[in-house]
C-alpha cells in the first residue's frame, strides 16, 4: 500500500484510519508487545517519519485503538446483557448472571484484554501529556457508558458500579498476561501436574473474580 501526500482534512483522516486499521489487523496476528512502529509503517506503506506525523508514538496508536475496541465492545455488550440477564430475577441472580456475561464477553476479546494489560505499564509511558489527557477523557466517557449499562440491569450496584467496572477491566487486563501460558510453562504443568493449580482459565477465573466483587456491592437477601 502506498499513499500520495495527504492535502485535505478528509485525506489526513483517511491516513489516520488506515494506520489504526493496519495496527488492529496486526494485533490479530501478534500480542501488543510485539507490534513495532517499523513493521506498522512497512505494512501501511508509509515512512516511519510519516506515521509519526499522525501519531507521536507506537503507544499513541495503541491507546487510540484501545478506545476504539472498548467502544465497539460496549455496543456488543448491551445486547449480551439484555439476552443474558433476567429482568425479573432477584438481585443475587442478576448479579451472578452479570458476572457470567461479563466474564465470557471479555474472555472472547483477547486483543482488548491485552491492551488493558499493557495500558498502565507500557502504553501510557511514551506519550505526551496532551495524548494522555485525550485518552483519559475518552476512557472516562466509556466508563460512564459502561457504568450506566450495568446499573440498568443491576441497579443495586448503586454508587459501587463505577469501581466495579474499573476493576472488571483491570482484572481482565492483568489476567491476559497469563493466558495462554507459554510453551515452557505448559510443559512444566504436563511434567508436574500439581503445578497446574496455577494454570488460570480466562472465563472461569474472571467469573469467580467478578462474582466475588459483586458480593461486596449487591445487597443479599
Protein backbone atom coordinates (compact mmCIF):
# COMPACT_ATOMS: atom_id res chain seq x y z
CA UNK A 1 0.00 0.00 0.00
CA UNK A 2 1.37 3.42 -0.95
CA UNK A 3 -0.06 6.88 -0.41
CA UNK A 4 0.11 10.25 -2.08
CA UNK A 5 0.70 13.25 0.15
CA UNK A 6 -2.44 13.98 2.19
CA UNK A 7 -3.59 17.51 1.38
CA UNK A 8 -7.15 17.77 2.68
CA UNK A 9 -8.60 17.08 6.11
CA UNK A 10 -10.50 14.11 4.63
CA UNK A 11 -7.28 12.66 3.25
CA UNK A 12 -5.48 13.13 6.57
CA UNK A 13 -8.33 11.42 8.40
CA UNK A 14 -8.24 8.56 5.89
CA UNK A 15 -4.50 8.22 6.53
CA UNK A 16 -5.03 8.09 10.30
CA UNK A 17 -7.77 5.50 9.88
CA UNK A 18 -5.54 3.38 7.64
CA UNK A 19 -2.81 3.40 10.30
CA UNK A 20 -5.29 2.36 13.00
CA UNK A 21 -6.88 -0.34 10.85
CA UNK A 22 -3.47 -1.76 9.96
CA UNK A 23 -2.43 -1.82 13.62
CA UNK A 24 -5.71 -3.55 14.52
CA UNK A 25 -5.08 -6.21 11.87
CA UNK A 26 -1.57 -6.76 13.24
CA UNK A 27 -2.99 -7.38 16.72
CA UNK A 28 -4.94 -10.30 15.29
CA UNK A 29 -1.55 -11.86 14.50
CA UNK A 30 0.65 -10.83 17.44
CA UNK A 31 0.45 -9.60 21.04
CA UNK A 32 0.67 -5.90 21.83
CA UNK A 33 4.30 -6.26 22.97
CA UNK A 34 5.41 -7.43 19.51
CA UNK A 35 3.79 -4.65 17.47
CA UNK A 36 6.57 -2.32 16.35
CA UNK A 37 6.38 1.07 14.68
CA UNK A 38 8.78 -0.09 11.98
CA UNK A 39 6.56 -3.01 10.98
CA UNK A 40 3.42 -0.90 11.21
CA UNK A 41 5.00 1.69 8.89
CA UNK A 42 6.02 -1.01 6.42
CA UNK A 43 2.56 -2.56 6.32
CA UNK A 44 0.72 0.72 5.98
CA UNK A 45 3.07 1.83 3.18
CA UNK A 46 4.44 4.95 4.87
CA UNK A 47 7.84 6.00 6.10
CA UNK A 48 8.13 5.85 9.87
CA UNK A 49 8.54 9.64 9.93
CA UNK A 50 5.22 10.00 8.12
CA UNK A 51 3.41 7.74 10.58
CA UNK A 52 4.77 9.95 13.34
CA UNK A 53 3.04 12.93 11.71
CA UNK A 54 -0.28 11.36 12.69
CA UNK A 55 0.64 9.60 15.95
CA UNK A 56 3.51 10.67 18.15
CA UNK A 57 4.48 7.10 19.06
CA UNK A 58 3.53 3.44 18.78
CA UNK A 59 1.88 3.79 22.17
CA UNK A 60 -0.30 6.67 20.96
CA UNK A 61 -1.60 4.43 18.16
CA UNK A 62 -2.40 1.65 20.62
CA UNK A 63 -4.12 3.96 23.10
CA UNK A 64 -6.46 5.14 20.36
CA UNK A 65 -7.09 1.55 19.35
CA UNK A 66 -7.91 0.71 22.96
CA UNK A 67 -10.64 3.34 22.93
CA UNK A 68 -11.94 2.06 19.58
CA UNK A 69 -12.05 -1.54 20.77
CA UNK A 70 -13.65 -0.58 24.06
CA UNK A 71 -16.38 1.40 22.31
CA UNK A 72 -17.19 -1.48 19.98
CA UNK A 73 -17.27 -3.92 22.89
CA UNK A 74 -19.72 -1.78 24.85
CA UNK A 75 -22.11 -1.72 21.88
CA UNK A 76 -22.00 -5.52 21.71
CA UNK A 77 -22.16 -5.89 25.49
CA UNK A 78 -25.50 -4.08 25.57
CA UNK A 79 -27.10 -6.88 23.57
CA UNK A 80 -25.32 -9.60 25.51
CA UNK A 81 -26.58 -8.24 28.82
CA UNK A 82 -30.13 -7.86 27.53
CA UNK A 83 -30.08 -11.50 26.47
CA UNK A 84 -28.23 -12.90 29.49
CA UNK A 85 -29.90 -11.16 32.45
CA UNK A 86 -33.46 -11.88 33.59
CA UNK A 87 -35.17 -8.59 34.38
CA UNK A 88 -37.49 -10.09 36.99
CA UNK A 89 -34.91 -12.14 38.86
CA UNK A 90 -33.62 -11.35 42.35
CA UNK A 91 -30.59 -9.11 42.78
CA UNK A 92 -28.42 -12.12 43.63
CA UNK A 93 -29.45 -13.99 40.49
CA UNK A 94 -28.96 -10.95 38.27
CA UNK A 95 -25.55 -10.31 39.83
CA UNK A 96 -24.50 -13.90 39.07
CA UNK A 97 -25.78 -13.55 35.51
CA UNK A 98 -23.90 -10.26 35.14
CA UNK A 99 -20.66 -11.90 36.26
CA UNK A 100 -21.23 -14.73 33.79
CA UNK A 101 -21.95 -12.44 30.82
CA UNK A 102 -19.03 -10.11 31.56
CA UNK A 103 -16.52 -12.92 32.04
CA UNK A 104 -17.47 -14.70 28.82
CA UNK A 105 -17.63 -11.47 26.85
CA UNK A 106 -14.20 -10.24 27.94
CA UNK A 107 -12.58 -13.66 27.59
CA UNK A 108 -13.70 -13.71 23.95
CA UNK A 109 -11.92 -10.39 23.29
CA UNK A 110 -8.28 -11.24 23.77
CA UNK A 111 -6.95 -8.15 21.98
CA UNK A 112 -8.98 -5.78 24.16
CA UNK A 113 -7.76 -7.56 27.31
CA UNK A 114 -4.17 -7.48 26.04
CA UNK A 115 -4.45 -3.73 25.50
CA UNK A 116 -5.84 -3.25 29.00
CA UNK A 117 -2.96 -5.30 30.37
CA UNK A 118 -0.41 -3.04 28.66
CA UNK A 119 -2.17 0.25 29.38
CA UNK A 120 -0.65 1.32 32.68
CA UNK A 121 2.79 -0.25 32.42
CA UNK A 122 3.56 0.38 28.74
CA UNK A 123 1.09 2.40 26.68
CA UNK A 124 0.88 5.42 28.96
CA UNK A 125 4.68 5.76 29.35
CA UNK A 126 5.77 7.03 25.92
CA UNK A 127 3.16 9.67 25.19
CA UNK A 128 2.75 13.38 25.83
CA UNK A 129 0.53 14.95 28.46
CA UNK A 130 -1.88 16.02 25.73
CA UNK A 131 -2.25 12.47 24.43
CA UNK A 132 -2.77 11.19 27.99
CA UNK A 133 -5.46 13.79 28.67
CA UNK A 134 -7.26 12.97 25.43
CA UNK A 135 -7.08 9.26 26.19
CA UNK A 136 -8.27 9.70 29.78
CA UNK A 137 -11.21 11.86 28.70
CA UNK A 138 -12.24 9.19 26.21
CA UNK A 139 -11.76 6.46 28.84
CA UNK A 140 -13.92 8.34 31.33
CA UNK A 141 -16.72 8.64 28.77
CA UNK A 142 -16.51 4.88 28.08
CA UNK A 143 -16.51 4.15 31.80
CA UNK A 144 -19.62 6.28 32.30
CA UNK A 145 -21.34 4.40 29.49
CA UNK A 146 -20.40 1.02 30.96
CA UNK A 147 -21.50 2.08 34.44
CA UNK A 148 -24.89 3.21 33.18
CA UNK A 149 -25.31 -0.01 31.21
CA UNK A 150 -24.58 -2.26 34.18
CA UNK A 151 -26.79 -0.26 36.52
CA UNK A 152 -29.65 -0.62 34.06
CA UNK A 153 -29.61 -4.38 34.68
CA UNK A 154 -28.38 -4.44 38.28
CA UNK A 155 -29.38 -1.09 39.82
CA UNK A 156 -28.45 -2.47 43.22
CA UNK A 157 -24.82 -1.79 42.28
CA UNK A 158 -25.55 1.83 43.21
CA UNK A 159 -22.51 4.01 43.82
CA UNK A 160 -20.24 0.98 43.61
CA UNK A 161 -20.97 0.44 39.92
CA UNK A 162 -18.16 2.61 38.58
CA UNK A 163 -15.50 1.00 40.76
CA UNK A 164 -16.82 -2.44 39.82
CA UNK A 165 -16.50 -1.55 36.13
CA UNK A 166 -12.93 -0.33 36.62
CA UNK A 167 -11.98 -3.48 38.49
CA UNK A 168 -13.52 -5.68 35.79
CA UNK A 169 -11.41 -4.05 33.09
CA UNK A 170 -8.25 -4.03 35.22
CA UNK A 171 -8.74 -7.70 36.16
CA UNK A 172 -9.21 -8.78 32.55
CA UNK A 173 -6.03 -6.93 31.58
CA UNK A 174 -3.99 -8.42 34.43
CA UNK A 175 -5.17 -11.96 33.70
CA UNK A 176 -4.45 -11.66 29.98
CA UNK A 177 -0.71 -11.66 30.76
CA UNK A 178 -1.02 -15.28 31.92
CA UNK A 179 -3.36 -16.62 29.25
CA UNK A 180 -2.41 -18.60 27.31
CA UNK A 181 0.73 -19.79 29.12
CA UNK A 182 3.92 -20.01 27.03
CA UNK A 183 5.04 -23.48 25.83
CA UNK A 184 7.65 -23.83 28.60
CA UNK A 185 5.01 -23.26 31.29
CA UNK A 186 2.60 -25.71 29.65
CA UNK A 187 5.40 -28.28 29.53
CA UNK A 188 6.08 -27.76 33.23
CA UNK A 189 2.41 -28.33 34.03
CA UNK A 190 2.41 -31.50 31.95
CA UNK A 191 5.53 -32.88 33.64
CA UNK A 192 4.44 -31.92 37.16
CA UNK A 193 0.61 -31.94 37.30
CA UNK A 194 0.45 -30.45 40.82
CA UNK A 195 1.72 -27.17 39.35
CA UNK A 196 -1.35 -26.95 37.13
CA UNK A 197 -3.25 -25.44 40.06
CA UNK A 198 -1.57 -22.20 38.95
CA UNK A 199 -2.96 -22.54 35.41
CA UNK A 200 -5.70 -19.91 35.15
CA UNK A 201 -8.55 -20.32 32.67
CA UNK A 202 -9.72 -16.91 31.47
CA UNK A 203 -13.55 -17.20 31.50
CA UNK A 204 -13.86 -19.14 34.78
CA UNK A 205 -11.27 -17.08 36.66
CA UNK A 206 -12.92 -13.84 35.58
CA UNK A 207 -16.37 -15.19 36.53
CA UNK A 208 -15.20 -16.09 40.03
CA UNK A 209 -13.42 -12.74 40.46
CA UNK A 210 -16.41 -10.72 39.22
CA UNK A 211 -18.80 -12.70 41.42
CA UNK A 212 -16.62 -12.08 44.46
CA UNK A 213 -16.53 -8.35 43.73
CA UNK A 214 -20.28 -8.21 43.27
CA UNK A 215 -20.89 -9.94 46.60
CA UNK A 216 -19.37 -6.91 48.29
CA UNK A 217 -21.63 -4.47 46.45
CA UNK A 218 -25.03 -6.02 45.81
CA UNK A 219 -27.35 -6.42 48.83
CA UNK A 220 -28.22 -10.05 49.56
CA UNK A 221 -31.46 -11.43 50.95
